[in-house]
Each structure stands twice: as structure tokens, then as C-alpha cells.
Amino acid sequence: ARNTRYVRRRLHQMGLIVYGNDNSPVVPVLVYMFSKIGAVVRTLKQKQLAVVGVGFPATPLMEGRIRICLSAAHTKEQLDNALMFLEEVADSLGLRYSQKPRSPLPVVYGSEDEIE
């Protein structure tokens, strides 16, 4: 659960919209447009990061998403590398849709605080 909480907090801090249960190791990230799903999956695959793209008809037409599958075996270094790649993709493809204010405070790995 530590890895899940850490990744979810960091994704929220990046301005991405994250769906799903806060304790679930499957982390859906909203990309909205169907055309962006393939671009995100391909770009991350080139960086050796596997994610699953999910779109219509499994989701509403304008609610395409990628799913990140986490494991307790992932190290903090692996998570940070994956988050760096996700941030690059979020910038290049315009995935920062969240309107929530972003905290400037760093997310501490292993912190037991609840996600806001």
C-alpha cells in the first residue's frame, strides 16, 4: 500500500486526474481523448514502462485512461523513474487536467497520511 499511496500522491501533485480506490495497486489516470491513449502507451513503452490503455467501449467515449499496475516489489527508485516518465508525457501531451490546487510540499515516501 505504501507504493500505491506514494504514486497516487505524486500523480495528484503533478495535476493528473486519478480514479479508483486509494489503496488499489491499479491506478487509472484520465487522459480523456481516445487519440491520446495510444500516444501515451507507445511513448511510455519506448521508455520501458508498461501501462494499459483503456478506451471506448470499456469507458465512456471521452473518458479514456491509462492504468498503471503497481507492486509492493517496486523500489522507490523504480517508482520515481516511472513518475518522471509520466510527468514528461503529461507535459508533452497535455494531460494535466486537474483543477485542484497543487501542493508545493514534497511527497514523502512511506508517509502514512491519508490522500486528500
C-alpha atoms as a PDB file:
ATOM      1  CA  ALA A   1       0.000   0.000   0.000  1.00  0.00           C
ATOM      2  CA  ARG A   2       2.985   2.304   0.585  1.00  0.00           C
ATOM      3  CA  ASN A   3       3.881   2.308  -3.123  1.00  0.00           C
ATOM      4  CA  THR A   4       0.266   2.900  -4.120  1.00  0.00           C
ATOM      5  CA  ARG A   5      -0.152   5.870  -1.779  1.00  0.00           C
ATOM      6  CA  TYR A   6       3.159   7.381  -2.880  1.00  0.00           C
ATOM      7  CA  VAL A   7       2.413   7.119  -6.604  1.00  0.00           C
ATOM      8  CA  ARG A   8      -1.149   8.415  -6.239  1.00  0.00           C
ATOM      9  CA  ARG A   9       0.026  11.426  -4.221  1.00  0.00           C
ATOM     10  CA  ARG A  10       2.728  12.241  -6.748  1.00  0.00           C
ATOM     11  CA  LEU A  11       0.292  11.934  -9.670  1.00  0.00           C
ATOM     12  CA  HIS A  12      -2.164  14.270  -7.902  1.00  0.00           C
ATOM     13  CA  GLN A  13       0.689  16.689  -7.262  1.00  0.00           C
ATOM     14  CA  MET A  14       1.521  16.641 -10.993  1.00  0.00           C
ATOM     15  CA  GLY A  15      -2.014  17.779 -11.779  1.00  0.00           C
ATOM     16  CA  LEU A  16      -3.223  14.467 -13.209  1.00  0.00           C
ATOM     17  CA  ILE A  17      -6.720  13.146 -12.545  1.00  0.00           C
ATOM     18  CA  VAL A  18      -6.515   9.770 -10.831  1.00  0.00           C
ATOM     19  CA  TYR A  19      -9.504   7.446 -10.497  1.00  0.00           C
ATOM     20  CA  GLY A  20     -10.071   4.396  -8.338  1.00  0.00           C
ATOM     21  CA  ASN A  21      -9.707   3.350  -4.737  1.00  0.00           C
ATOM     22  CA  ASP A  22      -6.832   4.997  -2.880  1.00  0.00           C
ATOM     23  CA  ASN A  23      -5.474   1.615  -1.740  1.00  0.00           C
ATOM     24  CA  SER A  24      -5.761  -0.185  -5.073  1.00  0.00           C
ATOM     25  CA  PRO A  25      -2.482  -1.058  -6.823  1.00  0.00           C
ATOM     26  CA  VAL A  26      -4.239  -0.441 -10.153  1.00  0.00           C
ATOM     27  CA  VAL A  27      -4.047   3.315 -10.728  1.00  0.00           C
ATOM     28  CA  PRO A  28      -6.240   4.698 -13.545  1.00  0.00           C
ATOM     29  CA  VAL A  29      -5.091   8.081 -14.895  1.00  0.00           C
ATOM     30  CA  LEU A  30      -7.532  10.064 -17.029  1.00  0.00           C
ATOM     31  CA  VAL A  31      -6.291  11.070 -20.495  1.00  0.00           C
ATOM     32  CA  TYR A  32      -9.769  11.960 -21.859  1.00  0.00           C
ATOM     33  CA  MET A  33      -9.267  11.754 -25.602  1.00  0.00           C
ATOM     34  CA  PHE A  34      -9.236   8.386 -27.315  1.00  0.00           C
ATOM     35  CA  SER A  35      -6.415   9.534 -29.593  1.00  0.00           C
ATOM     36  CA  LYS A  36      -4.129  10.249 -26.631  1.00  0.00           C
ATOM     37  CA  ILE A  37      -4.397   6.727 -25.199  1.00  0.00           C
ATOM     38  CA  GLY A  38      -2.246   5.162 -27.905  1.00  0.00           C
ATOM     39  CA  ALA A  39       0.252   8.018 -27.831  1.00  0.00           C
ATOM     40  CA  VAL A  40       0.716   7.681 -24.065  1.00  0.00           C
ATOM     41  CA  VAL A  41       1.060   3.887 -24.192  1.00  0.00           C
ATOM     42  CA  ARG A  42       3.551   3.987 -27.103  1.00  0.00           C
ATOM     43  CA  THR A  43       5.654   6.752 -25.588  1.00  0.00           C
ATOM     44  CA  LEU A  44       5.879   5.035 -22.217  1.00  0.00           C
ATOM     45  CA  LYS A  45       6.626   1.669 -23.833  1.00  0.00           C
ATOM     46  CA  GLN A  46       9.606   3.255 -25.593  1.00  0.00           C
ATOM     47  CA  LYS A  47      10.842   4.231 -22.128  1.00  0.00           C
ATOM     48  CA  GLN A  48      10.416   0.617 -20.919  1.00  0.00           C
ATOM     49  CA  LEU A  49       7.341   1.496 -18.840  1.00  0.00           C
ATOM     50  CA  ALA A  50       4.332  -0.729 -19.429  1.00  0.00           C
ATOM     51  CA  VAL A  51       0.857   0.733 -18.904  1.00  0.00           C
ATOM     52  CA  VAL A  52      -2.539  -0.419 -20.129  1.00  0.00           C
ATOM     53  CA  GLY A  53      -4.656   1.867 -22.303  1.00  0.00           C
ATOM     54  CA  VAL A  54      -8.416   1.671 -21.792  1.00  0.00           C
ATOM     55  CA  GLY A  55     -10.926   3.410 -24.029  1.00  0.00           C
ATOM     56  CA  PHE A  56     -14.361   3.176 -25.597  1.00  0.00           C
ATOM     57  CA  PRO A  57     -16.383   0.911 -25.330  1.00  0.00           C
ATOM     58  CA  ALA A  58     -14.853  -0.109 -21.963  1.00  0.00           C
ATOM     59  CA  THR A  59     -15.112   3.531 -20.830  1.00  0.00           C
ATOM     60  CA  PRO A  60     -17.326   6.427 -21.889  1.00  0.00           C
ATOM     61  CA  LEU A  61     -16.102   7.904 -25.184  1.00  0.00           C
ATOM     62  CA  MET A  62     -14.398  10.941 -23.636  1.00  0.00           C
ATOM     63  CA  GLU A  63     -13.033   9.215 -20.534  1.00  0.00           C
ATOM     64  CA  GLY A  64     -10.082   7.296 -21.936  1.00  0.00           C
ATOM     65  CA  ARG A  65      -7.452   6.389 -19.394  1.00  0.00           C
ATOM     66  CA  ILE A  66      -4.278   4.513 -18.786  1.00  0.00           C
ATOM     67  CA  ARG A  67      -3.892   2.044 -15.964  1.00  0.00           C
ATOM     68  CA  ILE A  68      -0.686   1.779 -14.012  1.00  0.00           C
ATOM     69  CA  CYS A  69      -0.243  -1.518 -12.169  1.00  0.00           C
ATOM     70  CA  LEU A  70       1.926  -1.287  -9.064  1.00  0.00           C
ATOM     71  CA  SER A  71       3.598  -3.953  -6.969  1.00  0.00           C
ATOM     72  CA  ALA A  72       4.972  -3.994  -3.437  1.00  0.00           C
ATOM     73  CA  ALA A  73       8.191  -5.249  -5.048  1.00  0.00           C
ATOM     74  CA  HIS A  74       8.768  -1.949  -6.894  1.00  0.00           C
ATOM     75  CA  THR A  75      11.552   0.112  -5.340  1.00  0.00           C
ATOM     76  CA  LYS A  76      11.294   3.844  -4.687  1.00  0.00           C
ATOM     77  CA  GLU A  77      13.880   4.385  -7.435  1.00  0.00           C
ATOM     78  CA  GLN A  78      11.727   2.461  -9.934  1.00  0.00           C
ATOM     79  CA  LEU A  79       8.647   4.434  -8.902  1.00  0.00           C
ATOM     80  CA  ASP A  80      10.490   7.753  -9.220  1.00  0.00           C
ATOM     81  CA  ASN A  81      11.745   6.821 -12.697  1.00  0.00           C
ATOM     82  CA  ALA A  82       8.230   5.848 -13.783  1.00  0.00           C
ATOM     83  CA  LEU A  83       6.831   9.084 -12.344  1.00  0.00           C
ATOM     84  CA  MET A  84       9.487  11.094 -14.184  1.00  0.00           C
ATOM     85  CA  PHE A  85       8.449   9.459 -17.475  1.00  0.00           C
ATOM     86  CA  LEU A  86       4.770  10.050 -16.701  1.00  0.00           C
ATOM     87  CA  GLU A  87       5.473  13.709 -15.977  1.00  0.00           C
ATOM     88  CA  GLU A  88       7.298  14.089 -19.310  1.00  0.00           C
ATOM     89  CA  VAL A  89       4.349  12.526 -21.144  1.00  0.00           C
ATOM     90  CA  ALA A  90       1.869  14.660 -19.199  1.00  0.00           C
ATOM     91  CA  ASP A  91       3.732  17.769 -20.342  1.00  0.00           C
ATOM     92  CA  SER A  92       4.175  16.742 -23.970  1.00  0.00           C
ATOM     93  CA  LEU A  93       0.584  15.526 -24.463  1.00  0.00           C
ATOM     94  CA  GLY A  94      -1.215  17.978 -22.180  1.00  0.00           C
ATOM     95  CA  LEU A  95      -2.611  15.606 -19.560  1.00  0.00           C
ATOM     96  CA  ARG A  96      -2.655  17.956 -16.556  1.00  0.00           C
ATOM     97  CA  TYR A  97      -6.421  18.346 -16.387  1.00  0.00           C
ATOM     98  CA  SER A  98      -6.905  18.606 -12.625  1.00  0.00           C
ATOM     99  CA  GLN A  99      -8.287  21.910 -11.344  1.00  0.00           C
ATOM    100  CA  LYS A 100      -7.324  21.137  -7.733  1.00  0.00           C
ATOM    101  CA  PRO A 101      -4.579  23.291  -6.240  1.00  0.00           C
ATOM    102  CA  ARG A 102      -1.204  21.541  -6.212  1.00  0.00           C
ATOM    103  CA  SER A 103       0.800  21.303  -3.023  1.00  0.00           C
ATOM    104  CA  PRO A 104       4.357  22.638  -3.292  1.00  0.00           C
ATOM    105  CA  LEU A 105       5.426  20.308  -0.471  1.00  0.00           C
ATOM    106  CA  PRO A 106       7.355  17.190  -1.454  1.00  0.00           C
ATOM    107  CA  VAL A 107       5.601  13.843  -1.174  1.00  0.00           C
ATOM    108  CA  VAL A 108       7.407  11.698   1.393  1.00  0.00           C
ATOM    109  CA  TYR A 109       7.792   8.017   0.520  1.00  0.00           C
ATOM    110  CA  GLY A 110       6.307   5.833   3.240  1.00  0.00           C
ATOM    111  CA  SER A 111       4.271   8.609   4.855  1.00  0.00           C
ATOM    112  CA  GLU A 112       1.118   7.134   6.362  1.00  0.00           C
ATOM    113  CA  ASP A 113      -1.051  10.241   5.944  1.00  0.00           C
ATOM    114  CA  GLU A 114      -4.277   9.815   4.017  1.00  0.00           C
ATOM    115  CA  ILE A 115      -4.556  11.108   0.464  1.00  0.00           C
ATOM    116  CA  GLU A 116      -6.539  14.331   0.324  1.00  0.00           C
END
